[in-house]
N, C-alpha and C. Protein backbone atom coordinates (compact mmCIF):
# COMPACT_ATOMS: atom_id res chain seq x y z
N MET A 1 -9.23 -4.36 -16.29
CA MET A 1 -8.34 -3.67 -17.19
C MET A 1 -9.17 -3.27 -18.41
N PRO A 2 -8.86 -2.28 -19.12
CA PRO A 2 -7.54 -1.71 -19.32
C PRO A 2 -7.19 -0.66 -18.27
N HIS A 3 -5.88 -0.48 -18.15
CA HIS A 3 -5.36 0.66 -17.42
C HIS A 3 -4.86 1.62 -18.48
N PHE A 4 -5.48 2.78 -18.57
CA PHE A 4 -5.07 3.81 -19.51
C PHE A 4 -4.09 4.74 -18.81
N ILE A 5 -2.94 4.93 -19.41
CA ILE A 5 -1.94 5.87 -18.90
C ILE A 5 -1.66 6.87 -20.02
N MET A 6 -2.03 8.10 -19.78
CA MET A 6 -1.83 9.14 -20.79
C MET A 6 -0.70 10.06 -20.35
N GLU A 7 0.32 10.13 -21.16
CA GLU A 7 1.41 11.09 -20.95
C GLU A 7 1.17 12.25 -21.91
N TYR A 8 1.43 13.47 -21.41
CA TYR A 8 1.21 14.63 -22.28
C TYR A 8 2.20 15.72 -21.95
N SER A 9 2.51 16.53 -22.96
CA SER A 9 3.43 17.64 -22.76
C SER A 9 2.75 18.74 -21.96
N ALA A 10 3.52 19.33 -21.05
CA ALA A 10 2.99 20.35 -20.14
C ALA A 10 2.44 21.56 -20.89
N ASN A 11 2.88 21.80 -22.11
CA ASN A 11 2.39 22.95 -22.85
C ASN A 11 0.97 22.76 -23.38
N LEU A 12 0.33 21.65 -23.01
CA LEU A 12 -1.07 21.41 -23.38
C LEU A 12 -2.04 21.69 -22.23
N ASP A 13 -1.53 22.17 -21.11
CA ASP A 13 -2.38 22.37 -19.93
C ASP A 13 -3.64 23.17 -20.24
N ASP A 14 -3.53 24.22 -21.02
CA ASP A 14 -4.68 25.08 -21.28
C ASP A 14 -5.60 24.52 -22.36
N ASP A 15 -5.17 23.47 -23.07
CA ASP A 15 -5.95 22.92 -24.18
C ASP A 15 -6.68 21.63 -23.84
N LEU A 16 -6.08 20.82 -23.00
CA LEU A 16 -6.66 19.51 -22.69
C LEU A 16 -7.73 19.59 -21.62
N ASP A 17 -8.87 19.01 -21.88
CA ASP A 17 -9.90 18.81 -20.86
C ASP A 17 -9.80 17.34 -20.46
N ILE A 18 -8.92 17.07 -19.53
CA ILE A 18 -8.60 15.69 -19.17
C ILE A 18 -9.82 14.95 -18.61
N PRO A 19 -10.59 15.53 -17.68
CA PRO A 19 -11.77 14.78 -17.20
C PRO A 19 -12.74 14.39 -18.33
N ALA A 20 -12.99 15.29 -19.26
CA ALA A 20 -13.90 14.98 -20.38
C ALA A 20 -13.30 13.90 -21.27
N LEU A 21 -12.01 13.99 -21.55
CA LEU A 21 -11.35 12.98 -22.37
C LEU A 21 -11.41 11.62 -21.69
N PHE A 22 -11.14 11.57 -20.39
CA PHE A 22 -11.16 10.31 -19.67
C PHE A 22 -12.57 9.71 -19.62
N GLU A 23 -13.57 10.56 -19.49
CA GLU A 23 -14.94 10.07 -19.51
C GLU A 23 -15.24 9.38 -20.84
N LYS A 24 -14.82 10.00 -21.94
CA LYS A 24 -15.03 9.40 -23.26
C LYS A 24 -14.26 8.09 -23.42
N LEU A 25 -13.01 8.07 -22.94
CA LEU A 25 -12.21 6.84 -23.05
C LEU A 25 -12.84 5.70 -22.26
N ASN A 26 -13.26 5.99 -21.03
CA ASN A 26 -13.88 4.95 -20.21
C ASN A 26 -15.18 4.45 -20.84
N GLU A 27 -16.01 5.38 -21.32
CA GLU A 27 -17.26 5.00 -21.97
C GLU A 27 -16.99 4.13 -23.20
N THR A 28 -15.97 4.48 -23.96
CA THR A 28 -15.62 3.72 -25.15
C THR A 28 -15.13 2.33 -24.77
N ALA A 29 -14.28 2.23 -23.75
CA ALA A 29 -13.78 0.93 -23.31
C ALA A 29 -14.93 0.04 -22.86
N ILE A 30 -15.88 0.62 -22.14
CA ILE A 30 -17.04 -0.15 -21.68
C ILE A 30 -17.88 -0.60 -22.87
N ALA A 31 -18.08 0.30 -23.83
CA ALA A 31 -18.93 0.00 -24.99
C ALA A 31 -18.36 -1.10 -25.87
N THR A 32 -17.05 -1.33 -25.82
CA THR A 32 -16.48 -2.42 -26.63
C THR A 32 -17.01 -3.77 -26.17
N GLY A 33 -17.42 -3.86 -24.90
CA GLY A 33 -17.86 -5.13 -24.36
C GLY A 33 -16.73 -6.09 -24.04
N VAL A 34 -15.50 -5.61 -24.19
CA VAL A 34 -14.31 -6.44 -24.01
C VAL A 34 -13.78 -6.36 -22.58
N PHE A 35 -13.99 -5.24 -21.92
CA PHE A 35 -13.33 -4.99 -20.65
C PHE A 35 -14.35 -4.86 -19.52
N PRO A 36 -14.07 -5.46 -18.36
CA PRO A 36 -14.98 -5.30 -17.22
C PRO A 36 -14.88 -3.88 -16.65
N ILE A 37 -16.02 -3.31 -16.33
CA ILE A 37 -16.07 -1.93 -15.86
C ILE A 37 -15.19 -1.73 -14.63
N GLY A 38 -15.21 -2.68 -13.71
CA GLY A 38 -14.47 -2.54 -12.47
C GLY A 38 -12.96 -2.58 -12.63
N GLY A 39 -12.49 -2.95 -13.81
CA GLY A 39 -11.05 -3.03 -14.03
C GLY A 39 -10.47 -1.82 -14.74
N ILE A 40 -11.30 -0.90 -15.17
CA ILE A 40 -10.82 0.24 -15.94
C ILE A 40 -10.21 1.29 -15.02
N ARG A 41 -9.01 1.72 -15.34
CA ARG A 41 -8.30 2.79 -14.61
C ARG A 41 -7.80 3.78 -15.66
N THR A 42 -7.90 5.03 -15.39
CA THR A 42 -7.44 6.04 -16.33
C THR A 42 -6.70 7.12 -15.55
N ARG A 43 -5.48 7.44 -15.99
CA ARG A 43 -4.68 8.44 -15.29
C ARG A 43 -3.80 9.19 -16.28
N ALA A 44 -3.43 10.38 -15.87
CA ALA A 44 -2.61 11.24 -16.72
C ALA A 44 -1.29 11.54 -16.03
N VAL A 45 -0.25 11.62 -16.85
CA VAL A 45 1.08 11.99 -16.37
C VAL A 45 1.51 13.21 -17.17
N ARG A 46 1.61 14.33 -16.49
CA ARG A 46 2.03 15.58 -17.13
C ARG A 46 3.55 15.58 -17.22
N CYS A 47 4.07 15.76 -18.41
CA CYS A 47 5.52 15.74 -18.63
C CYS A 47 6.03 17.18 -18.71
N GLU A 48 6.65 17.61 -17.64
CA GLU A 48 7.19 18.97 -17.57
C GLU A 48 8.40 19.11 -18.49
N HIS A 49 9.21 18.10 -18.53
CA HIS A 49 10.41 18.12 -19.37
C HIS A 49 10.18 17.21 -20.56
N PHE A 50 10.24 17.78 -21.74
CA PHE A 50 10.00 17.01 -22.96
C PHE A 50 10.66 17.73 -24.13
N ARG A 51 10.86 17.01 -25.17
CA ARG A 51 11.36 17.57 -26.44
C ARG A 51 10.66 16.80 -27.54
N VAL A 52 10.02 17.51 -28.44
CA VAL A 52 9.30 16.89 -29.54
C VAL A 52 9.90 17.36 -30.85
N GLY A 53 10.22 16.42 -31.71
CA GLY A 53 10.76 16.78 -33.03
C GLY A 53 12.04 17.57 -32.94
N GLU A 54 12.07 18.69 -33.62
CA GLU A 54 13.28 19.53 -33.68
C GLU A 54 13.46 20.39 -32.45
N GLY A 55 12.53 20.29 -31.48
CA GLY A 55 12.67 21.03 -30.24
C GLY A 55 11.88 22.33 -30.17
N ASP A 56 11.07 22.62 -31.17
CA ASP A 56 10.23 23.82 -31.14
C ASP A 56 9.37 23.76 -29.87
N PRO A 57 9.40 24.76 -29.01
CA PRO A 57 8.64 24.72 -27.76
C PRO A 57 7.12 24.72 -27.97
N ASP A 58 6.67 25.01 -29.20
CA ASP A 58 5.24 24.93 -29.48
C ASP A 58 4.79 23.52 -29.87
N ASN A 59 5.72 22.62 -30.12
CA ASN A 59 5.35 21.23 -30.42
C ASN A 59 4.76 20.59 -29.17
N THR A 60 3.77 19.73 -29.37
CA THR A 60 3.09 19.07 -28.26
C THR A 60 3.04 17.57 -28.52
N PHE A 61 2.74 16.81 -27.46
CA PHE A 61 2.51 15.39 -27.65
C PHE A 61 1.51 14.88 -26.62
N VAL A 62 0.81 13.84 -27.03
CA VAL A 62 -0.05 13.07 -26.14
C VAL A 62 0.13 11.62 -26.54
N HIS A 63 0.45 10.78 -25.57
CA HIS A 63 0.59 9.34 -25.85
C HIS A 63 -0.23 8.57 -24.83
N LEU A 64 -1.08 7.70 -25.33
CA LEU A 64 -1.93 6.87 -24.49
C LEU A 64 -1.47 5.42 -24.58
N THR A 65 -1.26 4.81 -23.43
CA THR A 65 -0.97 3.39 -23.36
C THR A 65 -2.14 2.72 -22.65
N ALA A 66 -2.61 1.63 -23.21
CA ALA A 66 -3.64 0.81 -22.56
C ALA A 66 -3.00 -0.52 -22.22
N LYS A 67 -2.90 -0.81 -20.93
CA LYS A 67 -2.39 -2.09 -20.48
C LYS A 67 -3.59 -2.99 -20.23
N VAL A 68 -3.59 -4.15 -20.88
CA VAL A 68 -4.74 -5.06 -20.77
C VAL A 68 -4.27 -6.44 -20.32
N GLY A 69 -5.16 -7.15 -19.66
CA GLY A 69 -4.88 -8.51 -19.25
C GLY A 69 -4.81 -9.43 -20.45
N SER A 70 -4.20 -10.56 -20.26
CA SER A 70 -4.04 -11.52 -21.36
C SER A 70 -5.29 -12.36 -21.53
N GLY A 71 -5.34 -13.06 -22.65
CA GLY A 71 -6.40 -14.03 -22.88
C GLY A 71 -7.38 -13.69 -23.98
N ARG A 72 -7.28 -12.51 -24.55
CA ARG A 72 -8.18 -12.15 -25.65
C ARG A 72 -7.49 -12.43 -26.98
N THR A 73 -8.28 -12.70 -27.99
CA THR A 73 -7.69 -12.99 -29.30
C THR A 73 -7.09 -11.71 -29.88
N PRO A 74 -6.12 -11.86 -30.78
CA PRO A 74 -5.56 -10.68 -31.45
C PRO A 74 -6.63 -9.87 -32.18
N GLU A 75 -7.62 -10.54 -32.74
CA GLU A 75 -8.68 -9.84 -33.47
C GLU A 75 -9.53 -8.98 -32.53
N VAL A 76 -9.82 -9.51 -31.36
CA VAL A 76 -10.60 -8.75 -30.37
C VAL A 76 -9.81 -7.53 -29.90
N LEU A 77 -8.52 -7.74 -29.62
CA LEU A 77 -7.68 -6.62 -29.18
C LEU A 77 -7.53 -5.57 -30.27
N LYS A 78 -7.39 -6.00 -31.52
CA LYS A 78 -7.26 -5.05 -32.63
C LYS A 78 -8.54 -4.22 -32.77
N ALA A 79 -9.68 -4.87 -32.70
CA ALA A 79 -10.95 -4.14 -32.83
C ALA A 79 -11.12 -3.15 -31.68
N ALA A 80 -10.79 -3.57 -30.46
CA ALA A 80 -10.89 -2.66 -29.31
C ALA A 80 -9.90 -1.51 -29.46
N SER A 81 -8.69 -1.81 -29.91
CA SER A 81 -7.67 -0.76 -30.12
C SER A 81 -8.15 0.25 -31.15
N ASP A 82 -8.68 -0.23 -32.25
CA ASP A 82 -9.18 0.66 -33.30
C ASP A 82 -10.26 1.60 -32.75
N THR A 83 -11.18 1.03 -31.98
CA THR A 83 -12.28 1.82 -31.43
C THR A 83 -11.78 2.87 -30.44
N ILE A 84 -10.87 2.45 -29.57
CA ILE A 84 -10.33 3.38 -28.57
C ILE A 84 -9.53 4.49 -29.24
N PHE A 85 -8.69 4.13 -30.24
CA PHE A 85 -7.91 5.17 -30.91
C PHE A 85 -8.82 6.14 -31.66
N GLU A 86 -9.89 5.64 -32.21
CA GLU A 86 -10.84 6.52 -32.91
C GLU A 86 -11.41 7.57 -31.95
N THR A 87 -11.82 7.14 -30.77
CA THR A 87 -12.33 8.08 -29.76
C THR A 87 -11.24 9.04 -29.31
N PHE A 88 -10.06 8.50 -29.02
CA PHE A 88 -8.94 9.30 -28.54
C PHE A 88 -8.56 10.37 -29.56
N SER A 89 -8.35 9.97 -30.80
CA SER A 89 -7.92 10.92 -31.83
C SER A 89 -9.03 11.93 -32.16
N ALA A 90 -10.28 11.49 -32.18
CA ALA A 90 -11.38 12.43 -32.43
C ALA A 90 -11.48 13.46 -31.32
N SER A 91 -11.24 13.05 -30.08
CA SER A 91 -11.28 13.98 -28.95
C SER A 91 -10.18 15.02 -29.03
N LEU A 92 -9.04 14.63 -29.58
CA LEU A 92 -7.88 15.53 -29.67
C LEU A 92 -7.87 16.36 -30.95
N LYS A 93 -8.72 16.02 -31.91
CA LYS A 93 -8.69 16.67 -33.22
C LYS A 93 -8.79 18.20 -33.17
N PRO A 94 -9.65 18.78 -32.32
CA PRO A 94 -9.69 20.25 -32.28
C PRO A 94 -8.34 20.88 -31.90
N ILE A 95 -7.61 20.23 -31.01
CA ILE A 95 -6.28 20.72 -30.64
C ILE A 95 -5.31 20.45 -31.78
N PHE A 96 -5.37 19.24 -32.34
CA PHE A 96 -4.50 18.84 -33.43
C PHE A 96 -4.63 19.79 -34.63
N ASP A 97 -5.82 20.27 -34.86
CA ASP A 97 -6.06 21.15 -36.01
C ASP A 97 -5.46 22.54 -35.84
N ARG A 98 -5.09 22.92 -34.61
CA ARG A 98 -4.53 24.27 -34.42
C ARG A 98 -3.16 24.28 -33.75
N ARG A 99 -2.65 23.14 -33.35
CA ARG A 99 -1.33 23.06 -32.70
C ARG A 99 -0.48 22.02 -33.40
N TRP A 100 0.85 22.15 -33.26
CA TRP A 100 1.75 21.11 -33.74
C TRP A 100 1.70 19.98 -32.69
N MET A 101 1.29 18.79 -33.12
CA MET A 101 0.98 17.74 -32.14
C MET A 101 1.32 16.36 -32.67
N SER A 102 1.89 15.56 -31.79
CA SER A 102 2.11 14.14 -32.05
C SER A 102 1.17 13.37 -31.13
N VAL A 103 0.35 12.50 -31.71
CA VAL A 103 -0.61 11.70 -30.97
C VAL A 103 -0.26 10.23 -31.16
N GLY A 104 -0.15 9.51 -30.07
CA GLY A 104 0.16 8.08 -30.16
C GLY A 104 -0.72 7.26 -29.24
N PHE A 105 -0.88 6.01 -29.60
CA PHE A 105 -1.65 5.06 -28.79
C PHE A 105 -1.05 3.68 -28.96
N GLU A 106 -0.98 2.95 -27.87
CA GLU A 106 -0.46 1.59 -27.89
C GLU A 106 -1.25 0.75 -26.89
N MET A 107 -1.66 -0.43 -27.32
CA MET A 107 -2.29 -1.38 -26.40
C MET A 107 -1.27 -2.47 -26.12
N VAL A 108 -1.01 -2.72 -24.85
CA VAL A 108 -0.01 -3.69 -24.41
C VAL A 108 -0.71 -4.78 -23.62
N GLU A 109 -0.47 -6.02 -24.01
CA GLU A 109 -1.03 -7.16 -23.28
C GLU A 109 -0.03 -7.59 -22.21
N LEU A 110 -0.48 -7.62 -20.97
CA LEU A 110 0.39 -7.98 -19.86
C LEU A 110 0.62 -9.49 -19.81
N HIS A 111 1.77 -9.86 -19.31
CA HIS A 111 2.14 -11.27 -19.23
C HIS A 111 1.17 -12.00 -18.28
N PRO A 112 0.64 -13.15 -18.67
CA PRO A 112 -0.36 -13.83 -17.84
C PRO A 112 0.17 -14.36 -16.50
N GLU A 113 1.46 -14.58 -16.39
CA GLU A 113 2.00 -15.15 -15.16
C GLU A 113 2.77 -14.14 -14.31
N ARG A 114 3.01 -12.96 -14.83
CA ARG A 114 3.77 -11.96 -14.07
C ARG A 114 2.99 -10.66 -13.92
N ASN A 115 1.69 -10.78 -13.85
CA ASN A 115 0.81 -9.64 -13.67
C ASN A 115 -0.05 -9.91 -12.44
N TYR A 116 0.15 -9.14 -11.40
CA TYR A 116 -0.52 -9.37 -10.13
C TYR A 116 -1.46 -8.22 -9.84
N ARG A 117 -2.59 -8.54 -9.20
CA ARG A 117 -3.53 -7.48 -8.85
C ARG A 117 -4.50 -7.97 -7.78
N MET A 118 -5.04 -7.00 -7.07
CA MET A 118 -6.13 -7.19 -6.12
C MET A 118 -7.17 -6.12 -6.44
N ASN A 119 -8.44 -6.50 -6.44
CA ASN A 119 -9.48 -5.54 -6.81
C ASN A 119 -10.79 -5.99 -6.20
N ASN A 120 -11.36 -5.18 -5.33
CA ASN A 120 -12.68 -5.51 -4.80
C ASN A 120 -13.77 -4.63 -5.40
N ILE A 121 -13.43 -3.86 -6.42
CA ILE A 121 -14.42 -3.00 -7.08
C ILE A 121 -15.42 -3.84 -7.87
N HIS A 122 -14.97 -4.98 -8.42
CA HIS A 122 -15.89 -5.87 -9.13
C HIS A 122 -17.03 -6.30 -8.19
N LYS A 123 -16.68 -6.64 -6.94
CA LYS A 123 -17.69 -7.03 -5.95
C LYS A 123 -18.64 -5.87 -5.67
N LYS A 124 -18.10 -4.68 -5.51
CA LYS A 124 -18.94 -3.50 -5.26
C LYS A 124 -19.96 -3.32 -6.39
N LEU A 125 -19.50 -3.43 -7.63
CA LEU A 125 -20.40 -3.25 -8.77
C LEU A 125 -21.44 -4.37 -8.85
N ALA A 126 -21.03 -5.60 -8.52
CA ALA A 126 -21.96 -6.73 -8.54
C ALA A 126 -23.02 -6.56 -7.46
N ASP A 127 -22.63 -6.04 -6.31
CA ASP A 127 -23.57 -5.83 -5.21
C ASP A 127 -24.62 -4.77 -5.55
N LYS A 128 -24.25 -3.82 -6.42
CA LYS A 128 -25.19 -2.76 -6.82
C LYS A 128 -26.20 -3.28 -7.84
N ALA A 129 -25.84 -4.34 -8.54
CA ALA A 129 -26.71 -4.85 -9.63
C ALA A 129 -27.94 -5.56 -9.12
């Protein structure tokens, strides 16, 4: 983990370079030293139906949620959140500077006993090392 889930308004299709943004987010998550590389997932959800603010069709939004496993201190999560939001907002700034835009980010810690997963990517990466 983290699992990054980015929701965005469909009217940003021509402005967002999602692969480039995701590359920066993943690189930033790795650089924090907090998250194992094999656990990082990044995906986008295009929202065809949305309403932002007063309903002006030129209004846009992008919201990023990072779901992370439990066990890290609040200070570690805050520092990682700050770093990730800095990358996220800096990547969106050129669009923000010319479009009406709401940008949000939230890091959510998953419950330690009700979070299930299977992952053999960690083994793949260890075998390459």
